[in-house]
N, C-alpha and C. Protein backbone atom coordinates (compact mmCIF):
# COMPACT_ATOMS: atom_id res chain seq x y z
N MET A 1 148.87 98.91 118.66
CA MET A 1 150.06 98.13 118.39
C MET A 1 150.01 96.83 119.19
N GLY A 2 149.57 96.94 120.44
CA GLY A 2 149.51 95.75 121.29
C GLY A 2 148.60 94.68 120.72
N ALA A 3 147.44 95.11 120.22
CA ALA A 3 146.50 94.15 119.65
C ALA A 3 147.08 93.51 118.38
N ALA A 4 147.75 94.30 117.58
CA ALA A 4 148.35 93.77 116.36
C ALA A 4 149.44 92.77 116.67
N LEU A 5 150.24 93.04 117.69
CA LEU A 5 151.29 92.10 118.08
C LEU A 5 150.70 90.83 118.68
N ALA A 6 149.62 90.96 119.44
CA ALA A 6 148.95 89.78 119.98
C ALA A 6 148.38 88.93 118.86
N LEU A 7 147.82 89.57 117.85
CA LEU A 7 147.30 88.84 116.69
C LEU A 7 148.43 88.13 115.95
N ALA A 8 149.54 88.83 115.76
CA ALA A 8 150.70 88.22 115.09
C ALA A 8 151.16 87.00 115.87
N GLN A 9 151.24 87.12 117.18
CA GLN A 9 151.68 85.99 118.01
C GLN A 9 150.71 84.82 117.89
N ALA A 10 149.41 85.12 117.90
CA ALA A 10 148.39 84.07 117.78
C ALA A 10 148.48 83.36 116.44
N LEU A 11 148.90 84.10 115.42
CA LEU A 11 149.03 83.51 114.08
C LEU A 11 150.37 82.83 113.86
N GLY A 12 151.24 82.91 114.87
CA GLY A 12 152.54 82.27 114.76
C GLY A 12 153.57 83.09 114.02
N ILE A 13 153.32 84.39 113.92
CA ILE A 13 154.25 85.29 113.24
C ILE A 13 155.22 85.85 114.28
N ASP A 14 156.48 85.92 113.94
CA ASP A 14 157.49 86.48 114.85
C ASP A 14 157.11 87.91 115.19
N THR A 15 156.92 88.20 116.48
CA THR A 15 156.45 89.52 116.89
C THR A 15 157.49 90.61 116.63
N LEU A 16 158.77 90.26 116.65
CA LEU A 16 159.79 91.27 116.33
C LEU A 16 159.69 91.70 114.88
N ILE A 17 159.46 90.74 114.00
CA ILE A 17 159.28 91.07 112.58
C ILE A 17 158.00 91.88 112.39
N ALA A 18 156.93 91.46 113.04
CA ALA A 18 155.66 92.17 112.93
C ALA A 18 155.80 93.61 113.41
N ALA A 19 156.49 93.81 114.53
CA ALA A 19 156.68 95.15 115.06
C ALA A 19 157.47 96.02 114.09
N GLU A 20 158.40 95.41 113.39
CA GLU A 20 159.21 96.14 112.42
C GLU A 20 158.39 96.53 111.19
N LEU A 21 157.47 95.66 110.78
CA LEU A 21 156.71 95.89 109.55
C LEU A 21 155.41 96.67 109.75
N LEU A 22 154.87 96.65 110.96
CA LEU A 22 153.57 97.27 111.19
C LEU A 22 153.46 98.73 110.78
N PRO A 23 154.44 99.58 111.08
CA PRO A 23 154.29 100.99 110.66
C PRO A 23 154.15 101.15 109.14
N GLU A 24 154.89 100.37 108.38
CA GLU A 24 154.78 100.46 106.92
C GLU A 24 153.45 99.93 106.44
N ILE A 25 153.00 98.83 107.01
CA ILE A 25 151.70 98.26 106.63
C ILE A 25 150.58 99.24 106.98
N GLU A 26 150.67 99.85 108.15
CA GLU A 26 149.66 100.81 108.57
C GLU A 26 149.59 101.99 107.61
N ALA A 27 150.74 102.47 107.16
CA ALA A 27 150.76 103.61 106.23
C ALA A 27 150.05 103.26 104.93
N VAL A 28 150.27 102.07 104.42
CA VAL A 28 149.61 101.63 103.18
C VAL A 28 148.11 101.51 103.42
N MET A 29 147.72 100.95 104.56
CA MET A 29 146.30 100.80 104.87
C MET A 29 145.61 102.16 104.95
N VAL A 30 146.24 103.12 105.58
CA VAL A 30 145.64 104.45 105.71
C VAL A 30 145.48 105.09 104.33
N ARG A 31 146.50 104.97 103.49
CA ARG A 31 146.39 105.53 102.13
C ARG A 31 145.24 104.90 101.36
N LYS A 32 145.10 103.59 101.44
CA LYS A 32 144.04 102.90 100.70
C LYS A 32 142.66 103.28 101.22
N VAL A 33 142.52 103.38 102.53
CA VAL A 33 141.23 103.78 103.10
C VAL A 33 140.89 105.20 102.66
N ASN A 34 141.87 106.09 102.69
CA ASN A 34 141.63 107.46 102.24
C ASN A 34 141.22 107.50 100.77
N GLU A 35 141.87 106.69 99.94
CA GLU A 35 141.50 106.63 98.52
C GLU A 35 140.06 106.16 98.36
N GLN A 36 139.67 105.15 99.12
CA GLN A 36 138.31 104.64 99.04
C GLN A 36 137.30 105.68 99.50
N MET A 37 137.64 106.39 100.56
CA MET A 37 136.73 107.42 101.06
C MET A 37 136.58 108.56 100.05
N GLU A 38 137.67 108.95 99.42
CA GLU A 38 137.60 109.99 98.40
C GLU A 38 136.78 109.51 97.21
N GLY A 39 136.94 108.26 96.84
CA GLY A 39 136.19 107.71 95.72
C GLY A 39 134.69 107.65 96.01
N SER A 40 134.31 107.36 97.24
CA SER A 40 132.89 107.28 97.57
C SER A 40 132.25 108.66 97.60
N ARG A 41 133.04 109.70 97.88
CA ARG A 41 132.50 111.06 97.87
C ARG A 41 132.28 111.55 96.45
N ASP A 42 133.11 111.07 95.50
CA ASP A 42 133.01 111.50 94.12
C ASP A 42 131.79 110.88 93.43
N GLY A 43 131.39 109.70 93.88
CA GLY A 43 130.35 108.96 93.19
C GLY A 43 129.04 109.35 93.62
């Protein structure tokens, strides 16, 4: 979380907004990675 907030700050993104959105973004990222991993096992 700390690294993500530091990146947000470096990009000029409000860190309070980033902290609020990060859990939802992380959940989507995990789902997509899992889908890709499942797809690579099928092929």
